[in-house]
N, C-alpha and C. Protein backbone atom coordinates (compact mmCIF):
# COMPACT_ATOMS: atom_id res chain seq x y z
N MET A 1 16.58 11.35 -22.18
CA MET A 1 15.71 10.32 -23.40
C MET A 1 14.21 10.47 -23.28
N SER A 2 13.52 11.30 -24.08
CA SER A 2 12.13 11.03 -24.15
C SER A 2 11.51 11.34 -25.66
N GLU A 3 10.37 11.24 -25.73
CA GLU A 3 9.65 11.11 -27.27
C GLU A 3 10.05 12.20 -27.84
N ILE A 4 10.19 13.65 -27.00
CA ILE A 4 10.40 14.91 -27.68
C ILE A 4 11.99 15.27 -27.80
N HIS A 5 12.64 14.70 -27.09
CA HIS A 5 14.02 15.00 -26.92
C HIS A 5 15.15 13.78 -26.65
N TYR A 6 15.86 13.41 -27.74
CA TYR A 6 16.60 12.01 -27.59
C TYR A 6 17.90 12.15 -28.29
N ILE A 7 18.65 11.32 -28.02
CA ILE A 7 19.97 11.21 -28.96
C ILE A 7 19.54 10.08 -29.71
N VAL A 8 19.61 10.35 -31.03
CA VAL A 8 19.48 9.58 -32.04
C VAL A 8 20.71 8.30 -32.40
N ARG A 9 21.77 8.87 -32.23
CA ARG A 9 22.96 8.01 -32.96
C ARG A 9 24.30 8.78 -32.21
N HIS A 10 25.35 7.68 -32.00
CA HIS A 10 26.54 7.86 -31.58
C HIS A 10 27.53 6.97 -32.81
N SER A 11 28.45 7.68 -33.07
CA SER A 11 28.98 6.98 -33.88
C SER A 11 30.81 7.30 -33.53
N LEU A 12 31.67 6.49 -33.70
CA LEU A 12 33.05 6.95 -33.65
C LEU A 12 33.83 6.49 -34.94
N VAL A 13 34.84 7.50 -35.26
CA VAL A 13 34.99 7.31 -36.84
C VAL A 13 36.68 7.74 -36.48
N ALA A 14 37.55 6.72 -37.50
CA ALA A 14 38.80 7.19 -37.39
C ALA A 14 39.35 8.10 -37.97
N GLU A 15 40.20 8.76 -38.21
CA GLU A 15 40.89 9.76 -38.83
C GLU A 15 41.02 9.53 -40.30
N ASP A 16 41.02 8.12 -40.83
CA ASP A 16 40.98 7.99 -42.03
C ASP A 16 39.56 7.83 -42.95
N GLY A 17 38.61 8.06 -41.96
CA GLY A 17 37.01 7.88 -42.23
C GLY A 17 36.59 6.73 -42.13
N THR A 18 37.18 5.53 -41.41
CA THR A 18 36.75 4.11 -40.95
C THR A 18 36.01 4.71 -39.73
N VAL A 19 34.57 4.12 -40.11
CA VAL A 19 33.65 4.16 -38.87
C VAL A 19 34.27 2.84 -38.02
N ILE A 20 34.72 3.33 -36.66
CA ILE A 20 35.02 1.87 -35.89
C ILE A 20 33.52 1.54 -35.24
N GLY A 21 32.50 2.32 -34.79
CA GLY A 21 31.44 1.78 -34.50
C GLY A 21 30.41 2.77 -34.47
N ALA A 22 29.22 2.43 -34.37
CA ALA A 22 27.97 3.23 -34.31
C ALA A 22 27.03 2.39 -33.75
N ILE A 23 26.10 3.04 -32.82
CA ILE A 23 24.83 2.69 -32.41
C ILE A 23 23.55 3.78 -32.51
N THR A 24 22.46 3.06 -32.94
CA THR A 24 21.23 3.89 -32.89
C THR A 24 20.39 3.89 -31.70
N PHE A 25 20.01 4.94 -31.16
CA PHE A 25 19.10 4.75 -30.12
C PHE A 25 17.50 5.05 -30.33
N ALA A 26 16.59 4.65 -29.46
CA ALA A 26 15.17 4.87 -29.39
C ALA A 26 14.99 5.93 -28.57
N PRO A 27 13.80 6.60 -28.53
CA PRO A 27 13.50 7.57 -27.57
C PRO A 27 13.02 6.77 -26.09
N ASP A 28 12.65 5.60 -26.26
CA ASP A 28 12.26 4.73 -24.92
C ASP A 28 13.61 3.81 -24.28
N ASP A 29 14.58 4.54 -24.90
CA ASP A 29 16.01 3.91 -24.21
C ASP A 29 16.25 4.37 -22.95
N LYS A 30 16.34 3.85 -21.98
CA LYS A 30 16.96 4.61 -20.67
C LYS A 30 18.10 5.84 -20.79
N GLU A 31 19.19 5.34 -21.55
CA GLU A 31 20.06 6.48 -21.63
C GLU A 31 20.73 6.05 -23.10
N ALA A 32 21.59 7.29 -23.37
CA ALA A 32 22.25 6.85 -24.64
C ALA A 32 23.87 6.92 -24.37
N VAL A 33 24.42 5.66 -24.17
CA VAL A 33 25.45 5.34 -23.55
C VAL A 33 26.15 4.20 -24.85
N SER A 34 27.25 4.67 -25.24
CA SER A 34 27.91 3.80 -26.27
C SER A 34 29.45 3.51 -25.85
N THR A 35 30.22 2.22 -26.00
CA THR A 35 31.60 2.14 -25.84
C THR A 35 32.06 1.37 -27.35
N TYR A 36 33.43 1.60 -27.33
CA TYR A 36 33.84 1.11 -28.84
C TYR A 36 35.35 0.60 -28.44
N GLU A 37 35.93 -0.18 -28.95
CA GLU A 37 37.37 -0.55 -28.92
C GLU A 37 38.06 -0.22 -29.97
N LEU A 38 39.09 0.69 -29.69
CA LEU A 38 39.88 1.27 -30.54
C LEU A 38 41.10 -0.02 -31.47
N PHE A 39 40.94 0.13 -32.51
CA PHE A 39 42.28 -0.79 -33.24
C PHE A 39 43.50 -0.36 -33.30
N LYS A 40 44.27 -1.04 -33.55
CA LYS A 40 45.76 -0.47 -33.54
C LYS A 40 45.93 0.67 -34.62
N ASN A 41 45.55 0.66 -35.70
CA ASN A 41 45.79 1.27 -36.61
C ASN A 41 44.78 2.52 -36.86
N ALA A 42 44.13 2.73 -35.89
CA ALA A 42 43.10 3.86 -35.88
C ALA A 42 43.79 5.24 -36.53
N GLY A 43 44.72 5.40 -36.35
CA GLY A 43 45.68 6.70 -36.24
C GLY A 43 45.94 7.62 -35.11
N SER A 44 45.96 8.64 -35.01
CA SER A 44 46.34 9.44 -33.98
C SER A 44 45.35 10.47 -33.52
N ARG A 45 44.06 10.31 -34.23
CA ARG A 45 43.00 10.96 -33.96
C ARG A 45 41.84 10.22 -34.16
N VAL A 46 40.67 10.47 -33.38
CA VAL A 46 39.54 9.69 -33.76
C VAL A 46 38.22 10.61 -33.61
N TYR A 47 37.21 10.68 -34.08
CA TYR A 47 35.82 11.64 -33.92
C TYR A 47 34.77 10.93 -33.42
N ALA A 48 34.47 11.33 -32.30
CA ALA A 48 33.22 10.88 -31.63
C ALA A 48 31.99 11.95 -32.43
N THR A 49 31.00 11.37 -32.82
CA THR A 49 29.99 12.07 -33.39
C THR A 49 28.37 11.65 -32.21
N SER A 50 27.65 12.48 -32.26
CA SER A 50 26.34 12.53 -31.50
C SER A 50 25.50 13.14 -32.39
N PHE A 51 24.21 12.52 -32.86
CA PHE A 51 22.98 13.10 -33.56
C PHE A 51 22.00 13.31 -32.47
N CYS A 52 21.17 14.51 -32.15
CA CYS A 52 20.21 14.77 -31.28
C CYS A 52 19.16 15.28 -32.12
N ASN A 53 18.08 14.77 -31.81
CA ASN A 53 16.74 15.02 -32.65
C ASN A 53 16.48 16.45 -32.81
N GLN A 54 16.79 17.23 -31.42
CA GLN A 54 16.48 18.68 -31.48
C GLN A 54 17.74 19.73 -31.71
N HIS A 55 18.90 19.05 -31.29
CA HIS A 55 20.12 19.88 -31.40
C HIS A 55 21.13 19.59 -32.46
N ASP A 56 20.65 18.77 -33.28
CA ASP A 56 21.59 18.19 -34.37
C ASP A 56 22.76 17.53 -34.11
N PHE A 57 23.69 17.81 -34.96
CA PHE A 57 25.10 17.21 -35.08
C PHE A 57 25.97 17.58 -33.98
N TRP A 58 26.74 16.86 -33.10
CA TRP A 58 27.79 17.30 -32.63
C TRP A 58 29.07 16.40 -32.81
N LEU A 59 30.17 17.01 -32.67
CA LEU A 59 31.41 16.51 -33.09
C LEU A 59 32.42 16.65 -31.93
N THR A 60 33.13 15.70 -31.57
CA THR A 60 34.19 15.82 -30.73
C THR A 60 35.46 14.99 -31.15
N GLU A 61 36.66 15.78 -31.39
CA GLU A 61 38.00 15.06 -31.64
C GLU A 61 38.78 14.65 -30.60
N PHE A 62 39.04 13.48 -30.54
CA PHE A 62 40.07 12.76 -29.47
C PHE A 62 41.51 12.71 -30.22
N ILE A 63 42.57 13.08 -29.79
CA ILE A 63 43.75 13.20 -30.10
C ILE A 63 44.44 11.89 -29.56
N LEU A 64 45.02 10.77 -29.98
CA LEU A 64 45.34 9.85 -29.06
C LEU A 64 46.79 9.86 -29.10
């Protein structure tokens, strides 16, 4: 994490599009770490997203 290269945001989204949680980071944050609690009806898949100011949007699918 630096002024030049940093993670802007993490999000966790349920398969129905419900946002489970999201956090926005600043360049001066020590690290980009986020944790979320899943709710019982989150479905069988969730999607973790990350947005980097230099490398754009990243998506990871998790099958529960």
